Amino acid sequence: MQLTGETKFFIGLIIATFLIIGIGVAVYSRPEPVLKREELITFASHTRGNIEAQNYLVEFSDYQCPACGTFKPLVDQIVEKYKDKLLFAYRNFPLAQHEFAEKAAETAEAAGEQGKYWEMHDYLFANQANFSDEVFQEGAKKIGLDMDKFNESLKSGKFKSLIQDDISYGTTHGVNSTPTFFLNGKKLSLFNQSDLETEVAKAIGE
């Protein structure tokens, strides 16, 4: 049977469509790559939990992000519940649309320089709806920082490159919204908050 030019065109179109679908399925069905622990948790990362734990959870987050604020109580609960079996690390991913997000990240890092990172971390999330330079100053005083040292650190901009490194690494590995979690090197796809605890419990074997 001799095929007309039009028939050949439609057959070719159908074949091309199936090829595109096949490639798409192959790409999207590939498992997420497993990232190395030493890449996800760097010397500059702030951690909670057991530093020697086999399981590790890394959050890329934005202090001014409402969703991150919503997740925080659950993250705190998970870290406390599995403090002997899990290492948690927080990495900065301030979003451009949040006016004070980067300044908040710098504020936390400046507090960390004085050994009070997590105190500032908690303060920032508790006050994320009211961010301003004044609120950052109040937080530093409240947790007992050396104010001269704190303000000099912020003024120098010394933490900007560290924060940008977090952003660049996260972007390279598929972080495009906050919060984004990696559990034992794998990026999690969460449909709701309870999925996070489910995945951690599964990894730990409980």
Protein backbone atom coordinates (compact mmCIF):
# COMPACT_ATOMS: atom_id res chain seq x y z
CA MET A 1 0.00 0.00 0.00
CA GLN A 2 1.38 3.33 -1.03
CA LEU A 3 1.19 6.01 1.61
CA THR A 4 0.34 9.54 0.73
CA GLY A 5 2.51 12.43 1.85
CA GLU A 6 -0.16 13.50 4.30
CA THR A 7 -0.36 9.99 5.84
CA LYS A 8 3.42 9.84 6.20
CA PHE A 9 3.34 13.22 7.92
CA PHE A 10 0.75 12.09 10.47
CA ILE A 11 2.60 8.82 11.14
CA GLY A 12 5.79 10.77 11.68
CA LEU A 13 3.94 13.15 14.00
CA ILE A 14 2.56 10.26 16.05
CA ILE A 15 6.01 8.65 16.36
CA ALA A 16 7.56 11.95 17.41
CA THR A 17 4.83 12.46 20.01
CA PHE A 18 5.44 9.03 21.54
CA LEU A 19 9.17 9.68 21.60
CA ILE A 20 8.67 13.00 23.43
CA ILE A 21 6.31 11.35 25.93
CA GLY A 22 8.78 8.50 26.45
CA ILE A 23 11.65 10.88 27.08
CA GLY A 24 9.52 12.93 29.46
CA VAL A 25 8.48 9.86 31.46
CA ALA A 26 12.10 8.71 31.65
CA VAL A 27 13.29 12.10 32.87
CA TYR A 28 10.58 12.65 35.46
CA SER A 29 10.62 9.07 36.74
CA ARG A 30 14.32 9.14 37.49
CA PRO A 31 15.01 8.98 41.23
CA GLU A 32 16.33 12.12 42.90
CA PRO A 33 20.13 12.05 43.13
CA VAL A 34 21.63 11.36 46.54
CA LEU A 35 23.77 14.33 47.58
CA LYS A 36 26.85 13.88 49.69
CA ARG A 37 26.53 14.62 53.38
CA GLU A 38 29.63 16.80 53.41
CA GLU A 39 28.16 18.93 50.62
CA LEU A 40 24.76 19.36 52.22
CA ILE A 41 26.18 19.99 55.68
CA THR A 42 29.24 22.20 55.34
CA PHE A 43 31.63 23.56 57.94
CA ALA A 44 29.53 26.73 57.96
CA SER A 45 26.17 24.99 58.47
CA HIS A 46 24.40 25.36 61.81
CA THR A 47 23.22 22.05 63.22
CA ARG A 48 21.11 20.54 65.98
CA GLY A 49 20.92 16.95 67.14
CA ASN A 50 23.53 14.21 67.10
CA ILE A 51 26.55 15.14 64.96
CA GLU A 52 27.40 11.43 64.67
CA ALA A 53 23.90 10.30 63.67
CA GLN A 54 23.59 8.23 60.51
CA ASN A 55 20.43 10.10 59.47
CA TYR A 56 20.50 13.77 58.56
CA LEU A 57 17.84 16.30 57.60
CA VAL A 58 18.74 19.55 55.84
CA GLU A 59 16.32 22.45 55.39
CA PHE A 60 16.75 25.26 52.87
CA SER A 61 14.66 28.04 54.32
CA ASP A 62 13.76 31.72 54.38
CA TYR A 63 13.16 33.51 57.69
CA GLN A 64 10.45 35.70 56.14
CA CYS A 65 8.65 32.84 54.39
CA PRO A 66 5.23 32.13 55.99
CA ALA A 67 5.37 28.46 54.97
CA CYS A 68 8.76 28.09 56.67
CA GLY A 69 7.29 29.63 59.79
CA THR A 70 4.42 27.15 59.65
CA PHE A 71 6.83 24.22 59.36
CA LYS A 72 9.10 25.37 62.18
CA PRO A 73 7.15 23.90 65.15
CA LEU A 74 7.06 20.54 63.39
CA VAL A 75 10.78 20.69 62.58
CA ASP A 76 11.53 21.55 66.22
CA GLN A 77 9.37 18.63 67.34
CA ILE A 78 11.13 16.20 64.98
CA VAL A 79 14.60 17.40 66.01
CA GLU A 80 13.73 17.02 69.69
CA LYS A 81 12.06 13.62 69.26
CA TYR A 82 15.00 12.17 67.31
CA LYS A 83 17.82 14.20 68.88
CA ASP A 84 19.91 11.06 69.44
CA LYS A 85 19.27 9.59 65.98
CA LEU A 86 19.15 12.60 63.68
CA LEU A 87 21.33 15.54 62.71
CA PHE A 88 19.45 18.62 61.51
CA ALA A 89 21.06 21.44 59.52
CA TYR A 90 19.59 24.77 58.45
CA ARG A 91 20.76 26.48 55.26
CA ASN A 92 19.80 29.93 54.06
CA PHE A 93 17.62 30.40 50.99
CA PRO A 94 16.21 33.94 51.24
CA LEU A 95 13.74 34.61 48.43
CA ALA A 96 14.04 37.80 46.41
CA GLN A 97 10.40 38.75 46.96
CA HIS A 98 10.90 39.00 50.72
CA GLU A 99 12.32 42.40 51.58
CA PHE A 100 14.02 41.45 54.84
CA ALA A 101 14.85 37.80 54.17
CA GLU A 102 18.53 38.27 53.38
CA LYS A 103 19.03 40.74 56.23
CA ALA A 104 17.39 38.26 58.58
CA ALA A 105 19.78 35.52 57.43
CA GLU A 106 22.74 37.85 58.02
CA THR A 107 21.33 38.68 61.46
CA ALA A 108 21.22 34.98 62.38
CA GLU A 109 24.76 34.44 61.13
CA ALA A 110 26.02 37.46 63.10
CA ALA A 111 24.40 36.01 66.23
CA GLY A 112 26.03 32.68 65.46
CA GLU A 113 29.40 34.38 65.49
CA GLN A 114 28.74 35.00 69.19
CA GLY A 115 27.50 31.46 69.82
CA LYS A 116 23.80 32.34 69.80
CA TYR A 117 22.66 31.30 66.35
CA TRP A 118 19.72 29.18 67.47
CA GLU A 119 18.49 31.79 69.93
CA MET A 120 18.32 34.29 67.06
CA HIS A 121 16.88 31.65 64.74
CA ASP A 122 13.97 31.11 67.11
CA TYR A 123 13.50 34.84 67.67
CA LEU A 124 13.38 35.56 63.94
CA PHE A 125 10.71 32.97 63.23
CA ALA A 126 8.67 34.17 66.17
CA ASN A 127 8.75 37.72 64.78
CA GLN A 128 8.76 37.12 61.02
CA ALA A 129 5.53 39.05 60.45
CA ASN A 130 7.07 42.23 61.88
CA PHE A 131 10.55 42.33 60.36
CA SER A 132 12.41 45.64 60.38
CA ASP A 133 15.90 46.82 61.29
CA GLU A 134 14.51 47.77 64.68
CA VAL A 135 13.17 44.25 65.27
CA PHE A 136 16.60 42.78 64.44
CA GLN A 137 18.24 45.14 66.89
CA GLU A 138 15.70 44.27 69.58
CA GLY A 139 16.36 40.59 69.02
CA ALA A 140 20.11 41.01 69.39
CA LYS A 141 19.63 42.85 72.68
CA LYS A 142 17.08 40.33 73.91
CA ILE A 143 19.40 37.35 73.46
CA GLY A 144 22.31 39.22 75.01
CA LEU A 145 24.66 39.89 72.11
CA ASP A 146 27.59 42.27 72.20
CA MET A 147 25.85 44.98 70.20
CA ASP A 148 29.00 46.67 68.92
CA LYS A 149 30.36 43.40 67.58
CA PHE A 150 26.96 42.43 66.18
CA ASN A 151 26.48 45.70 64.29
CA GLU A 152 30.04 45.72 63.01
CA SER A 153 29.56 42.22 61.60
CA LEU A 154 26.38 43.27 59.80
CA LYS A 155 27.96 46.47 58.52
CA SER A 156 30.93 44.58 57.07
CA GLY A 157 28.69 42.34 54.94
CA LYS A 158 30.94 39.41 55.84
CA PHE A 159 28.09 36.87 55.68
CA LYS A 160 26.75 37.78 52.25
CA SER A 161 29.02 35.34 50.39
CA LEU A 162 28.15 32.51 52.79
CA ILE A 163 24.44 33.09 52.20
CA GLN A 164 24.97 33.31 48.45
CA ASP A 165 26.83 29.99 48.56
CA ASP A 166 23.78 28.40 50.18
CA ILE A 167 21.51 29.89 47.52
CA SER A 168 23.77 28.79 44.65
CA TYR A 169 24.11 25.25 45.98
CA GLY A 170 20.39 24.94 46.59
CA THR A 171 19.49 26.30 43.16
CA THR A 172 21.91 23.88 41.50
CA HIS A 173 20.21 20.97 43.22
CA GLY A 174 16.59 21.85 42.54
CA VAL A 175 15.65 24.17 45.37
CA ASN A 176 13.18 26.71 43.97
CA SER A 177 10.85 27.27 46.91
CA THR A 178 10.97 27.23 50.68
CA PRO A 179 11.07 25.24 52.77
CA THR A 180 12.84 22.47 50.84
CA PHE A 181 14.11 19.44 52.76
CA PHE A 182 16.76 16.85 51.99
CA LEU A 183 16.71 13.64 54.03
CA ASN A 184 19.85 11.52 53.92
CA GLY A 185 20.85 13.34 50.74
CA LYS A 186 17.54 12.94 48.91
CA LYS A 187 15.24 15.85 48.13
CA LEU A 188 11.81 15.26 49.62
CA SER A 189 8.53 15.84 47.79
CA LEU A 190 6.04 16.71 50.51
CA PHE A 191 2.30 17.05 49.98
CA ASN A 192 1.62 18.16 53.54
CA GLN A 193 3.48 18.75 56.81
CA SER A 194 2.83 15.31 58.24
CA ASP A 195 4.74 13.78 55.32
CA LEU A 196 7.95 15.22 56.75
CA GLU A 197 7.64 13.37 60.05
CA THR A 198 6.55 10.22 58.21
CA GLU A 199 9.66 10.28 56.02
CA VAL A 200 12.00 10.90 58.95
CA ALA A 201 10.42 8.13 61.03
CA LYS A 202 10.70 5.76 58.07
CA ALA A 203 14.38 6.58 57.55
CA ILE A 204 15.15 6.09 61.24
CA GLY A 205 13.15 2.87 61.29
CA GLU A 206 10.35 3.81 63.64
